[in-house]
Every structure is written in C-alpha cells, then in structure tokens.
Amino acid sequence: MKLIDIAILENIKGLGPANMMKIINYSKENNIKDLYDLRDANISKIINKKLLNVIKTYLDTDIENLYKNMQSILNKYTDNNIQCISIIDNLYPSILKESTTPPAILYYKGDINLLKTKCVAVIGTRNNTDFGKKITQKTVDFLLKNNFTIVSGLAKGIDEISHQRTIEKKGKTIAIVPLIDKIYPSSNQQLAQDILDNNGLLISEVKPNTPFHASQLVKRDRIQSGLSKAVFVIETSQNGGSMYATKDALKLKRPVFTPNIYKLNSSYQEYEQVQGIKYLINEKKSIPYTSSNYEEIKQKLLQDTTKEGCLL
C-alpha cells in the first residue's frame, strides 16, 4: 500500500490508529498493494464485524474516484506547503513505530530530516514562573551546546520559551502541533513562522482542514512521547497537561528528567507549578538534575541516541 491508499482509509469513520495499523500490517504480510486488493481481501480476522461492514461498503464505491479525489487533496496540501509521510515511508521515525498507536500519517512543514538528528524535548506548564523560565533557558543552552535538536509543543509558557531560546541561539527545533494548517494558540503564529524561517519543523497527525478540538492536545503529547527516548519536564502541576507526555514516556520505559527542586529555594517548592515535579521525584519516576550533573545527563542522552529517532 502507498501513502494515497492510507490517506483514503483515514476518511473511514471509526477506523482509528489501532485498526489502521492492523490493516497496514496485514497488507504488508499478504502483499496487498492497493485498495482494489484490500477490497477483495479477507480481513474479518483482524477487524470486528461492524467496522468490517463499514470498510467494505466504503470500498464498494468507485475506487478510481476515491483515488482521483484524494490526489487532488494531496496536491492542495502541497500547494499550501504541507507535506505528508506515511508509516511505510523510510522517513517515518522508527522509534515512533514502537508506540502503541503510532499515527498512520504525519503532516508537516519544514525540514523533515530533523527527525534523524539527536533530539531532546523541553516541555512544561503554560503558566510558568520566572524561575521556570530561567531553568528552561539554561537547560536549552546546555542541550544546544551538545548539538541536540530541541522538541516542544508550541504551547504558551515553557514550550514557547524552549522554541524561542533555540531560535535565539541559532539551534534547530521541532514543534509538535495540534493542527498543521491552523496554529494553536493563535498568539504563537509568528513563533511557528520563525521556526520554519530558521529551518525548523512543524508536525501534526491531524489532517488539514480539521476543526480544532481540545483532544488534539493530548494526541500531540502522545506523539511527543512516541518520538522520544526521554522527556525533560521543567514545571507542571500534578494534573498539568505535560503529565500526559510524561506518563506516555514512562509507559514506553523512557527516562524522564526533572529539575531537582529540592536543591532550590524552599518557597519555590510550594508553587503549584512544581507540584507535579515533586510528585515525579518523590515517586522515583524521574531523574532529578541540576547544572552540576549536566555531564552525567549528556552521557545518558548520548547512550540513548543509539537508535534512530528523537529524544523527547
């Protein structure tokens, strides 16, 4: 199967990432090359009866017209500087395939080759403190000094500070965004453009022309953890959005790094923005760090970049 086949299948209501992967793997194993082959294949063993009927009904329409319409859509994406790669593409990060429900298609703007570099993400709360900003900048400076690409989510707060600092220092950065064609939040539209102007990369799993929904923010976090070998969380409340990416990283048995706030001002330790950090340290779910053990962190990160793909 090709990108266009997968893009057409994405339009089937109820066919989520997990079932999409079942079909893609089945097609690979059974040498199914296109939708014509899939229409005639026996996929009843991998798909429940209700969804099977939906797929069969969809493919019993004019397949040639489905191809024609989808090619027109893909051409329009290109006209708007939006590219896409599917999970069968060589450019698709192999590390992302290890996640439980990898996106079948990634939509992007910018330099997709950054996914092949040494990447580390710096993420955190939208409502950061001044101290959190300083920690973020120092962490980013350290990572850039050691030739890492900075990954974050283009959200307000820690994410935007991570991207901004990287651009200031003329480094490379990747933004995982809810939508590729409509920047959220809108206040970061210029930042998104700055990332592209500095040879960076924007990525989303949501196809263009899709309305924004809050659930896309969680999906974005899932991709961050899936792309990554580790996660740096600077500040977060215990129920903060950054905990989604953190939990996913832990499920994938990838290390989580947090600032060692117990070596910082005691009053700072009472801020809501660090209660999630305290939880992760107290439960031994994260590796606490300060500038004094940067060298140890560097060695850990270099060991974890032996596989293709990004560190989060």
Protein backbone atom coordinates (compact mmCIF):
# COMPACT_ATOMS: atom_id res chain seq x y z
CA MET A 1 0.00 0.00 0.00
CA LYS A 2 1.04 3.58 -0.65
CA LEU A 3 0.53 6.92 1.06
CA ILE A 4 -2.55 7.68 -1.03
CA ASP A 5 -4.18 4.36 -0.02
CA ILE A 6 -3.64 5.10 3.67
CA ALA A 7 -4.87 8.68 3.24
CA ILE A 8 -8.11 7.39 1.70
CA LEU A 9 -8.59 4.86 4.50
CA GLU A 10 -8.18 7.66 7.07
CA ASN A 11 -11.50 9.05 5.83
CA ILE A 12 -13.40 5.98 7.03
CA LYS A 13 -15.37 6.87 10.14
CA GLY A 14 -14.47 4.67 13.08
CA LEU A 15 -11.16 3.46 11.67
CA GLY A 16 -8.77 4.69 14.37
CA PRO A 17 -4.95 4.37 14.61
CA ALA A 18 -5.02 0.89 16.16
CA ASN A 19 -7.22 -0.68 13.47
CA MET A 20 -5.39 1.25 10.77
CA MET A 21 -2.15 -0.40 11.89
CA LYS A 22 -3.82 -3.82 11.79
CA ILE A 23 -4.80 -3.22 8.15
CA ILE A 24 -1.37 -1.83 7.21
CA ASN A 25 0.45 -4.79 8.79
CA TYR A 26 -1.99 -7.27 7.25
CA SER A 27 -1.48 -5.67 3.83
CA LYS A 28 2.29 -5.91 4.16
CA GLU A 29 2.17 -9.54 5.24
CA ASN A 30 -0.25 -10.51 2.44
CA ASN A 31 1.25 -8.42 -0.35
CA ILE A 32 -1.83 -6.19 -0.69
CA LYS A 33 -0.68 -3.36 -2.93
CA ASP A 34 -3.73 -1.09 -3.15
CA LEU A 35 -7.39 -0.60 -2.27
CA TYR A 36 -8.53 -2.90 -5.06
CA ASP A 37 -6.60 -5.76 -3.43
CA LEU A 38 -7.85 -4.77 0.02
CA ARG A 39 -11.46 -4.77 -1.13
CA ASP A 40 -11.16 -8.40 -2.17
CA ALA A 41 -9.10 -9.48 0.86
CA ASN A 42 -10.42 -11.39 3.86
CA ILE A 43 -9.78 -9.01 6.76
CA SER A 44 -12.52 -10.42 9.00
CA LYS A 45 -9.90 -11.93 11.33
CA ILE A 46 -8.37 -8.57 12.20
CA ILE A 47 -11.40 -6.22 12.16
CA ASN A 48 -14.68 -6.54 14.06
CA LYS A 49 -17.82 -7.21 12.03
CA LYS A 50 -19.32 -3.74 12.38
CA LEU A 51 -16.19 -1.94 11.19
CA LEU A 52 -15.64 -4.56 8.51
CA ASN A 53 -19.04 -3.74 7.01
CA VAL A 54 -18.22 -0.03 7.07
CA ILE A 55 -14.91 -0.61 5.27
CA LYS A 56 -16.45 -2.95 2.69
CA THR A 57 -19.28 -0.51 1.96
CA TYR A 58 -16.77 2.33 1.58
CA LEU A 59 -14.56 0.35 -0.81
CA ASP A 60 -17.51 -0.92 -2.82
CA THR A 61 -17.95 2.62 -4.15
CA ASP A 62 -15.99 3.92 -7.14
CA ILE A 63 -12.38 3.34 -6.01
CA GLU A 64 -11.00 5.10 -9.04
CA ASN A 65 -12.90 8.23 -8.00
CA LEU A 66 -11.60 7.88 -4.44
CA TYR A 67 -8.05 7.93 -5.81
CA LYS A 68 -8.79 10.92 -8.04
CA ASN A 69 -10.30 12.96 -5.21
CA MET A 70 -7.53 12.11 -2.76
CA GLN A 71 -4.81 13.01 -5.24
CA SER A 72 -6.49 16.39 -5.67
CA ILE A 73 -6.47 16.86 -1.88
CA LEU A 74 -2.80 15.90 -1.61
CA ASN A 75 -1.95 18.34 -4.38
CA LYS A 76 -3.73 21.13 -2.47
CA TYR A 77 -1.70 20.28 0.62
CA THR A 78 1.47 20.68 -1.42
CA ASP A 79 0.25 23.99 -2.81
CA ASN A 80 -0.03 25.18 0.81
CA ASN A 81 3.48 23.93 1.68
CA ILE A 82 2.12 20.97 3.63
CA GLN A 83 3.80 17.62 3.06
CA CYS A 84 2.98 14.20 4.50
CA ILE A 85 4.66 10.88 5.08
CA SER A 86 3.05 7.57 5.98
CA ILE A 87 4.24 4.90 8.36
CA ILE A 88 5.54 2.86 5.41
CA ASP A 89 7.82 5.73 4.32
CA ASN A 90 11.56 5.48 5.02
CA LEU A 91 11.49 8.97 6.54
CA TYR A 92 8.96 7.91 9.18
CA PRO A 93 10.81 7.67 12.53
CA SER A 94 11.30 4.05 13.51
CA ILE A 95 11.15 5.00 17.20
CA LEU A 96 7.59 6.26 16.73
CA LYS A 97 6.58 2.88 15.35
CA GLU A 98 7.37 1.42 18.77
CA SER A 99 4.49 3.31 20.40
CA THR A 100 1.18 1.54 20.98
CA THR A 101 -0.81 3.55 18.43
CA PRO A 102 1.57 5.30 16.02
CA PRO A 103 -0.07 7.76 13.60
CA ALA A 104 -0.50 6.29 10.13
CA ILE A 105 0.33 9.66 8.55
CA LEU A 106 2.35 12.65 9.73
CA TYR A 107 1.61 16.07 8.21
CA TYR A 108 4.45 18.56 8.30
CA LYS A 109 6.02 21.81 7.23
CA GLY A 110 9.76 22.38 7.20
CA ASP A 111 12.78 20.10 7.36
CA ILE A 112 11.60 16.53 7.95
CA ASN A 113 15.24 15.39 8.15
CA LEU A 114 15.41 16.86 11.66
CA LEU A 115 13.72 13.66 12.81
CA LYS A 116 17.00 11.91 12.05
CA THR A 117 19.01 14.21 14.33
CA LYS A 118 19.69 13.97 18.08
CA CYS A 119 16.51 15.46 19.54
CA VAL A 120 15.56 16.34 23.10
CA ALA A 121 12.28 17.96 24.13
CA VAL A 122 11.84 20.55 26.83
CA ILE A 123 8.20 20.86 27.90
CA GLY A 124 6.11 22.18 30.77
CA THR A 125 3.29 24.32 32.06
CA ARG A 126 1.69 27.20 30.17
CA ASN A 127 1.67 29.23 33.39
CA ASN A 128 5.40 29.19 34.08
CA THR A 129 7.22 31.10 36.82
CA ASP A 130 10.16 33.43 36.21
CA PHE A 131 12.37 30.81 37.81
CA GLY A 132 10.99 28.18 35.45
CA LYS A 133 11.87 30.40 32.50
CA LYS A 134 15.49 30.63 33.69
CA ILE A 135 15.71 26.86 34.17
CA THR A 136 14.27 26.30 30.69
CA GLN A 137 16.78 28.67 29.08
CA LYS A 138 19.75 27.12 30.93
CA THR A 139 18.58 23.61 30.02
CA VAL A 140 18.13 24.53 26.36
CA ASP A 141 21.55 26.24 26.29
CA PHE A 142 23.18 23.09 27.66
CA LEU A 143 21.42 20.85 25.14
CA LEU A 144 22.23 23.10 22.18
CA LYS A 145 25.86 23.26 23.25
CA ASN A 146 25.90 19.48 22.85
CA ASN A 147 24.28 19.60 19.39
CA PHE A 148 20.79 18.40 20.27
CA THR A 149 17.66 19.48 18.42
CA ILE A 150 15.01 20.91 20.75
CA VAL A 151 11.48 19.44 20.59
CA SER A 152 8.42 21.02 22.21
CA GLY A 153 4.71 21.63 21.69
CA LEU A 154 4.41 25.31 20.68
CA ALA A 155 2.11 25.96 23.66
CA LYS A 156 2.36 29.07 25.79
CA GLY A 157 4.83 29.03 28.66
CA ILE A 158 7.69 26.55 28.85
CA ASP A 159 7.13 25.25 25.30
CA GLU A 160 7.37 28.66 23.63
CA ILE A 161 10.36 29.60 25.80
CA SER A 162 12.11 26.42 24.60
CA HIS A 163 11.47 27.26 20.93
CA GLN A 164 12.35 30.94 21.35
CA ARG A 165 15.62 30.24 23.14
CA THR A 166 16.62 27.74 20.48
CA ILE A 167 16.00 30.26 17.72
CA GLU A 168 17.91 32.96 19.63
CA LYS A 169 20.88 30.60 19.91
CA LYS A 170 20.55 29.60 16.23
CA GLY A 171 19.77 25.99 17.05
CA LYS A 172 17.27 23.57 15.49
CA THR A 173 13.79 22.98 16.87
CA ILE A 174 10.75 20.79 16.18
CA ALA A 175 7.21 21.77 17.20
CA ILE A 176 4.56 19.05 17.61
CA VAL A 177 1.32 20.93 16.93
CA PRO A 178 -2.41 20.05 17.20
CA LEU A 179 -3.11 21.25 13.63
CA ILE A 180 -0.64 21.85 10.84
CA ASP A 181 -2.72 24.42 8.97
CA LYS A 182 -4.07 26.49 11.88
CA ILE A 183 -1.64 27.35 14.65
CA TYR A 184 -2.90 26.96 18.21
CA PRO A 185 -2.65 29.14 20.19
CA SER A 186 -3.03 31.86 17.55
CA SER A 187 -0.68 34.10 19.54
CA ASN A 188 2.17 31.78 18.52
CA GLN A 189 1.62 32.09 14.76
CA GLN A 190 4.72 34.26 14.42
CA LEU A 191 6.75 31.83 16.51
CA ALA A 192 5.67 29.00 14.20
CA GLN A 193 6.82 31.04 11.21
CA ASP A 194 10.11 31.84 12.95
CA ILE A 195 10.69 28.12 13.45
CA LEU A 196 10.19 27.50 9.72
CA ASP A 197 12.32 30.51 8.77
CA ASN A 198 15.15 29.00 10.82
CA ASN A 199 14.96 25.62 9.07
CA GLY A 200 12.88 24.00 11.80
CA LEU A 201 9.94 21.60 11.59
CA LEU A 202 6.23 21.58 12.44
CA ILE A 203 4.47 18.18 12.75
CA SER A 204 0.87 17.06 13.32
CA GLU A 205 -1.00 13.77 12.98
CA VAL A 206 -4.28 15.60 12.23
CA LYS A 207 -5.07 16.14 8.57
CA PRO A 208 -5.52 19.72 7.32
CA ASN A 209 -8.97 21.36 7.33
CA THR A 210 -9.93 19.61 10.57
CA PRO A 211 -11.63 21.81 13.22
CA PHE A 212 -9.67 22.32 16.44
CA HIS A 213 -10.65 20.21 19.45
CA ALA A 214 -9.01 20.04 22.87
CA SER A 215 -8.45 16.28 22.47
CA GLN A 216 -5.86 17.08 19.79
CA LEU A 217 -3.63 18.49 22.51
CA VAL A 218 -3.48 15.09 24.20
CA LYS A 219 -2.81 13.45 20.83
CA ARG A 220 0.08 15.84 20.37
CA ASP A 221 1.52 14.77 23.73
CA ARG A 222 1.25 11.14 22.65
CA ILE A 223 3.38 11.85 19.59
CA GLN A 224 5.95 13.68 21.68
CA SER A 225 6.48 10.67 23.91
CA GLY A 226 6.35 8.29 20.95
CA LEU A 227 9.06 10.16 19.08
CA SER A 228 11.35 10.32 22.06
CA LYS A 229 13.89 8.50 24.15
CA ALA A 230 13.50 10.74 27.22
CA VAL A 231 11.48 13.71 28.45
CA PHE A 232 12.56 16.89 30.26
CA VAL A 233 9.70 18.43 32.26
CA ILE A 234 10.62 21.84 33.69
CA GLU A 235 7.43 22.82 35.54
CA THR A 236 3.99 21.21 35.82
CA SER A 237 1.17 20.88 38.30
CA GLN A 238 0.28 17.32 39.28
CA ASN A 239 -2.68 17.41 36.86
CA GLY A 240 -0.98 19.52 34.20
CA GLY A 241 -1.10 18.71 30.50
CA SER A 242 2.62 17.88 30.47
CA MET A 243 1.86 14.85 32.61
CA TYR A 244 0.23 13.17 29.58
CA ALA A 245 3.51 13.12 27.69
CA THR A 246 5.31 12.13 30.88
CA LYS A 247 3.01 9.18 31.55
CA ASP A 248 3.34 8.00 27.95
CA ALA A 249 7.13 8.20 28.19
CA LEU A 250 7.08 6.11 31.38
CA LYS A 251 4.81 3.52 29.75
CA LEU A 252 7.36 3.22 26.97
CA LYS A 253 10.09 2.87 29.63
CA ARG A 254 11.83 6.03 28.54
CA PRO A 255 13.58 8.18 31.18
CA VAL A 256 12.04 11.38 32.48
CA PHE A 257 14.24 14.26 33.69
CA THR A 258 13.06 16.97 36.09
CA PRO A 259 14.89 19.88 37.78
CA ASN A 260 15.91 18.93 41.32
CA ILE A 261 13.70 21.47 43.06
CA TYR A 262 14.77 20.20 46.49
CA LYS A 263 18.08 21.93 45.90
CA LEU A 264 16.32 25.20 45.10
CA ASN A 265 14.64 27.89 47.22
CA SER A 266 12.18 26.35 49.71
CA SER A 267 9.48 28.89 48.85
CA TYR A 268 9.68 27.84 45.19
CA GLN A 269 8.91 24.27 46.25
CA GLU A 270 5.43 25.36 47.35
CA TYR A 271 4.40 26.78 43.96
CA GLU A 272 1.55 25.00 42.17
CA GLN A 273 3.70 24.89 39.02
CA VAL A 274 6.15 22.42 40.61
CA GLN A 275 3.80 20.06 42.43
CA GLY A 276 3.95 17.64 39.51
CA ILE A 277 7.74 17.81 39.62
CA LYS A 278 7.71 16.97 43.34
CA TYR A 279 5.39 14.03 42.66
CA LEU A 280 7.64 12.62 39.93
CA ILE A 281 10.75 12.93 42.12
CA ASN A 282 9.08 11.58 45.27
CA GLU A 283 7.68 8.58 43.39
CA LYS A 284 11.07 7.98 41.78
CA LYS A 285 9.54 8.33 38.34
CA SER A 286 12.01 10.99 37.22
CA ILE A 287 15.74 11.63 37.28
CA PRO A 288 16.31 14.95 39.11
CA TYR A 289 19.05 17.19 37.72
CA THR A 290 20.92 20.43 38.26
CA SER A 291 23.71 22.10 36.30
CA SER A 292 26.18 20.16 38.47
CA ASN A 293 25.29 16.85 36.79
CA TYR A 294 24.98 18.08 33.19
CA GLU A 295 27.87 15.82 32.18
CA GLU A 296 26.06 12.78 33.58
CA ILE A 297 22.91 13.77 31.67
CA LYS A 298 24.93 14.27 28.49
CA GLN A 299 26.34 10.75 28.69
CA LYS A 300 22.88 9.31 29.38
CA LEU A 301 21.43 11.12 26.37
CA LEU A 302 24.25 10.08 24.07
CA GLN A 303 23.73 6.45 25.10
CA ASP A 304 20.02 6.76 24.33
CA THR A 305 20.59 8.12 20.81
CA THR A 306 21.98 4.84 19.55
CA LYS A 307 18.60 4.19 17.90
CA GLU A 308 17.23 6.22 15.02
CA GLY A 309 14.85 8.96 16.04
CA CYS A 310 14.36 11.73 18.56
CA LEU A 311 14.83 12.12 22.26
CA LEU A 312 11.94 13.91 23.89
